[in-house]
C-alpha atoms as a PDB file:
ATOM      1  CA  MET A   1       1.624   8.994  16.071  1.00  0.00           C
ATOM      2  CA  ALA A   2      -0.987   6.025  16.451  1.00  0.00           C
ATOM      3  CA  ALA A   3      -2.344   5.283  13.051  1.00  0.00           C
ATOM      4  CA  TYR A   4      -6.193   6.419  11.758  1.00  0.00           C
ATOM      5  CA  SER A   5      -8.611   6.073   9.615  1.00  0.00           C
ATOM      6  CA  TYR A   6     -11.417   8.306   7.789  1.00  0.00           C
ATOM      7  CA  ASP A   7     -12.877   8.280   4.661  1.00  0.00           C
ATOM      8  CA  LEU A   8     -11.834  10.337   1.648  1.00  0.00           C
ATOM      9  CA  HIS A   9     -13.995   9.925  -1.823  1.00  0.00           C
ATOM     10  CA  GLY A  10     -16.083   7.839  -0.224  1.00  0.00           C
ATOM     11  CA  VAL A  11     -13.079   5.241   0.284  1.00  0.00           C
ATOM     12  CA  ARG A  12     -13.110   4.473   3.739  1.00  0.00           C
ATOM     13  CA  ILE A  13      -8.666   4.910   4.882  1.00  0.00           C
ATOM     14  CA  PHE A  14      -5.984   3.377   7.141  1.00  0.00           C
ATOM     15  CA  GLU A  15      -3.361   5.304   7.555  1.00  0.00           C
ATOM     16  CA  CYS A  16       0.003   4.528   9.127  1.00  0.00           C
ATOM     17  CA  PRO A  17       1.765   6.411  10.945  1.00  0.00           C
ATOM     18  CA  SER A  18       5.856   6.826   9.091  1.00  0.00           C
ATOM     19  CA  HIS A  19       7.557   6.980  12.510  1.00  0.00           C
ATOM     20  CA  GLY A  20       7.228   2.621  13.932  1.00  0.00           C
ATOM     21  CA  PRO A  21       8.323  -0.780  13.345  1.00  0.00           C
ATOM     22  CA  ALA A  22       9.391  -1.539   9.392  1.00  0.00           C
ATOM     23  CA  VAL A  23       7.063  -4.005   7.071  1.00  0.00           C
ATOM     24  CA  GLN A  24       9.690  -6.998   6.810  1.00  0.00           C
ATOM     25  CA  SER A  25       8.032 -10.023   6.846  1.00  0.00           C
ATOM     26  CA  GLU A  26       4.229 -11.351   6.571  1.00  0.00           C
ATOM     27  CA  GLN A  27       3.564 -10.978   9.475  1.00  0.00           C
ATOM     28  CA  ASP A  28       4.249  -7.424   9.456  1.00  0.00           C
ATOM     29  CA  ALA A  29       1.046  -6.620   7.099  1.00  0.00           C
ATOM     30  CA  LEU A  30      -0.935  -9.189   8.627  1.00  0.00           C
ATOM     31  CA  ALA A  31      -0.654  -7.082  11.086  1.00  0.00           C
ATOM     32  CA  ILE A  32      -1.455  -3.979   9.551  1.00  0.00           C
ATOM     33  CA  LEU A  33      -4.631  -5.899   7.427  1.00  0.00           C
ATOM     34  CA  GLY A  34      -6.006  -6.460  11.271  1.00  0.00           C
ATOM     35  CA  GLU A  35      -6.102  -3.174  12.157  1.00  0.00           C
ATOM     36  CA  ALA A  36      -7.044  -1.594   9.030  1.00  0.00           C
ATOM     37  CA  MET A  37      -9.735  -4.088   9.120  1.00  0.00           C
ATOM     38  CA  ALA A  38     -11.159  -3.343  12.762  1.00  0.00           C
ATOM     39  CA  GLN A  39     -11.221  -0.398  11.026  1.00  0.00           C
ATOM     40  CA  HIS A  40     -13.389  -1.025   8.948  1.00  0.00           C
ATOM     41  CA  ALA A  41     -10.936   0.230   6.271  1.00  0.00           C
ATOM     42  CA  GLU A  42     -10.715  -0.906   2.362  1.00  0.00           C
ATOM     43  CA  MET A  43      -7.890   0.496   1.618  1.00  0.00           C
ATOM     44  CA  VAL A  44      -4.264   0.861   3.415  1.00  0.00           C
ATOM     45  CA  LEU A  45      -1.832   3.814   3.161  1.00  0.00           C
ATOM     46  CA  LEU A  46       1.811   2.841   4.156  1.00  0.00           C
ATOM     47  CA  PRO A  47       4.079   5.038   3.811  1.00  0.00           C
ATOM     48  CA  VAL A  48       7.341   4.306   2.575  1.00  0.00           C
ATOM     49  CA  GLU A  49      10.088   4.411   4.697  1.00  0.00           C
ATOM     50  CA  ARG A  50       8.195   1.597   6.954  1.00  0.00           C
ATOM     51  CA  LEU A  51       9.030  -0.995   4.274  1.00  0.00           C
ATOM     52  CA  SER A  52      12.543  -3.550   4.690  1.00  0.00           C
ATOM     53  CA  PRO A  53      15.241  -2.157   2.521  1.00  0.00           C
ATOM     54  CA  SER A  54      14.138  -6.051   0.669  1.00  0.00           C
ATOM     55  CA  PHE A  55      11.060  -5.285   0.161  1.00  0.00           C
ATOM     56  CA  PHE A  56      12.347  -3.087  -2.874  1.00  0.00           C
ATOM     57  CA  GLU A  57      14.786  -6.500  -3.849  1.00  0.00           C
ATOM     58  CA  LEU A  58      12.438  -7.968  -5.992  1.00  0.00           C
ATOM     59  CA  ARG A  59      13.954 -11.033  -5.851  1.00  0.00           C
ATOM     60  CA  THR A  60      13.610 -11.552  -1.077  1.00  0.00           C
ATOM     61  CA  GLY A  61       9.999 -12.435  -2.301  1.00  0.00           C
ATOM     62  CA  LEU A  62       8.655  -9.663   0.049  1.00  0.00           C
ATOM     63  CA  ALA A  63       7.275  -7.238  -2.454  1.00  0.00           C
ATOM     64  CA  GLY A  64       5.081 -10.618  -3.872  1.00  0.00           C
ATOM     65  CA  ALA A  65       4.083 -11.831  -0.763  1.00  0.00           C
ATOM     66  CA  ILE A  66       2.901  -8.902   1.388  1.00  0.00           C
ATOM     67  CA  ALA A  67       1.588  -7.588  -1.626  1.00  0.00           C
ATOM     68  CA  GLN A  68      -1.060 -11.340  -2.359  1.00  0.00           C
ATOM     69  CA  LYS A  69      -1.679 -10.957   1.515  1.00  0.00           C
ATOM     70  CA  PHE A  70      -3.700  -7.294   0.346  1.00  0.00           C
ATOM     71  CA  VAL A  71      -5.560  -8.797  -2.272  1.00  0.00           C
ATOM     72  CA  THR A  72      -5.968 -12.567  -0.695  1.00  0.00           C
ATOM     73  CA  TYR A  73      -7.472 -10.224   1.833  1.00  0.00           C
ATOM     74  CA  GLY A  74      -9.573  -7.467  -0.488  1.00  0.00           C
ATOM     75  CA  MET A  75      -7.938  -4.987   0.662  1.00  0.00           C
ATOM     76  CA  ARG A  76      -6.443  -1.991  -1.374  1.00  0.00           C
ATOM     77  CA  LEU A  77      -3.316  -0.671  -0.559  1.00  0.00           C
ATOM     78  CA  ALA A  78      -1.310   3.037  -1.388  1.00  0.00           C
ATOM     79  CA  ILE A  79       2.829   3.007  -0.649  1.00  0.00           C
ATOM     80  CA  ILE A  80       2.876   6.832  -0.529  1.00  0.00           C
ATOM     81  CA  GLY A  81       6.806   8.446  -0.853  1.00  0.00           C
ATOM     82  CA  ALA A  82      10.099   8.358  -2.779  1.00  0.00           C
ATOM     83  CA  ILE A  83      11.950   5.261  -3.500  1.00  0.00           C
ATOM     84  CA  SER A  84      15.137   5.437  -3.355  1.00  0.00           C
ATOM     85  CA  PRO A  85      17.152   6.216  -6.447  1.00  0.00           C
ATOM     86  CA  ALA A  86      18.749   3.074  -5.709  1.00  0.00           C
ATOM     87  CA  ALA A  87      16.239   0.512  -5.850  1.00  0.00           C
ATOM     88  CA  LEU A  88      14.647   2.437  -8.780  1.00  0.00           C
ATOM     89  CA  GLU A  89      17.992   1.186 -11.103  1.00  0.00           C
ATOM     90  CA  SER A  90      15.777  -1.990 -10.559  1.00  0.00           C
ATOM     91  CA  PRO A  91      14.510  -2.627 -14.093  1.00  0.00           C
ATOM     92  CA  ALA A  92      12.428  -6.101 -12.243  1.00  0.00           C
ATOM     93  CA  LEU A  93      11.041  -2.984  -9.303  1.00  0.00           C
ATOM     94  CA  GLN A  94       9.930  -0.481 -11.700  1.00  0.00           C
ATOM     95  CA  ALA A  95       8.105  -3.387 -14.041  1.00  0.00           C
ATOM     96  CA  PHE A  96       6.591  -4.200 -10.498  1.00  0.00           C
ATOM     97  CA  ILE A  97       5.732  -0.640  -9.532  1.00  0.00           C
ATOM     98  CA  ASN A  98       4.978   0.188 -13.232  1.00  0.00           C
ATOM     99  CA  GLU A  99       1.520  -2.769 -13.274  1.00  0.00           C
ATOM    100  CA  SER A 100       0.779  -2.272 -10.139  1.00  0.00           C
ATOM    101  CA  ASN A 101       0.238   1.093 -10.426  1.00  0.00           C
ATOM    102  CA  ARG A 102      -1.870   0.219 -14.035  1.00  0.00           C
ATOM    103  CA  GLY A 103      -4.431  -1.607 -11.292  1.00  0.00           C
ATOM    104  CA  GLU A 104      -7.035  -1.121  -8.783  1.00  0.00           C
ATOM    105  CA  ARG A 105      -5.201  -2.707  -5.433  1.00  0.00           C
ATOM    106  CA  ILE A 106      -1.702  -1.489  -5.188  1.00  0.00           C
ATOM    107  CA  TRP A 107      -0.110   1.563  -5.899  1.00  0.00           C
ATOM    108  CA  PHE A 108       2.247   3.819  -6.108  1.00  0.00           C
ATOM    109  CA  LEU A 109       2.962   6.948  -4.917  1.00  0.00           C
ATOM    110  CA  ASP A 110       5.064  10.245  -4.397  1.00  0.00           C
ATOM    111  CA  HIS A 111       2.344  12.544  -2.258  1.00  0.00           C
ATOM    112  CA  THR A 112      -0.872  11.316  -0.101  1.00  0.00           C
ATOM    113  CA  GLY A 113      -2.290  14.356  -2.410  1.00  0.00           C
ATOM    114  CA  ASP A 114      -1.700  11.689  -5.078  1.00  0.00           C
ATOM    115  CA  LEU A 115      -3.936   9.174  -3.575  1.00  0.00           C
ATOM    116  CA  GLY A 116      -7.214  11.790  -2.962  1.00  0.00           C
ATOM    117  CA  LYS A 117      -6.746  12.366  -7.640  1.00  0.00           C
ATOM    118  CA  ARG A 118      -5.994   8.642  -8.221  1.00  0.00           C
ATOM    119  CA  LEU A 119      -9.325   7.210  -6.300  1.00  0.00           C
ATOM    120  CA  GLN A 120     -11.377   9.874  -8.072  1.00  0.00           C
ATOM    121  CA  ALA A 121     -10.057   9.041 -10.770  1.00  0.00           C
ATOM    122  CA  HIS A 122     -10.485   5.087  -9.826  1.00  0.00           C
ATOM    123  CA  ILE A 123     -13.993   4.704  -7.972  1.00  0.00           C
ATOM    124  CA  ILE A 124     -14.965   2.003  -7.651  1.00  0.00           C
ATOM    125  CA  PRO A 125     -19.014   1.132  -6.135  1.00  0.00           C
ATOM    126  CA  ARG A 126     -18.829   0.295  -2.780  1.00  0.00           C
ATOM    127  CA  SER A 127     -21.484  -2.219  -3.753  1.00  0.00           C
ATOM    128  CA  ALA A 128     -18.446  -3.962  -6.175  1.00  0.00           C
ATOM    129  CA  ARG A 129     -15.740  -3.711  -3.817  1.00  0.00           C
ATOM    130  CA  THR A 130     -15.243  -6.981  -2.461  1.00  0.00           C
END
C-alpha cells in the first residue's frame, strides 16, 4: 500500500502506510517531508511501526532531530499507534510525548480515529498556518 493524501477537518493529511522502510535518520524524515509537500499536505500521519526503535531512545537524539525537521519545514506530524511498554518506561520519553501532545505540531495518538477528534479541537485557520 502506498502513501496517500486526503482532507480531514480542513487539513490536508499525508498518510504513510504501516508497512515500509523504517524511519531511522533525518534523511528518511526529509524524504517523507518531500513526498508530503509534493501532495500539498499540512500534516503527516506516520504509524509508530515505521519508526526505528532508536527513535524511542531519546539519548540517540533521533526523535528530537526528526521533530525539529517537521517543525522547521512547517509540517505537522501525528505518530499513530501503541508505543511499546518497554519504551514507555522511560520518564524522558513520557515527558517528550506529553509535551508534544500539548502543542499543535507533533502529536502521539493511539488510533487514527483520535486524529479527527484532535484536529477538530485544534483547528487552525488556514490563514494562520505556516
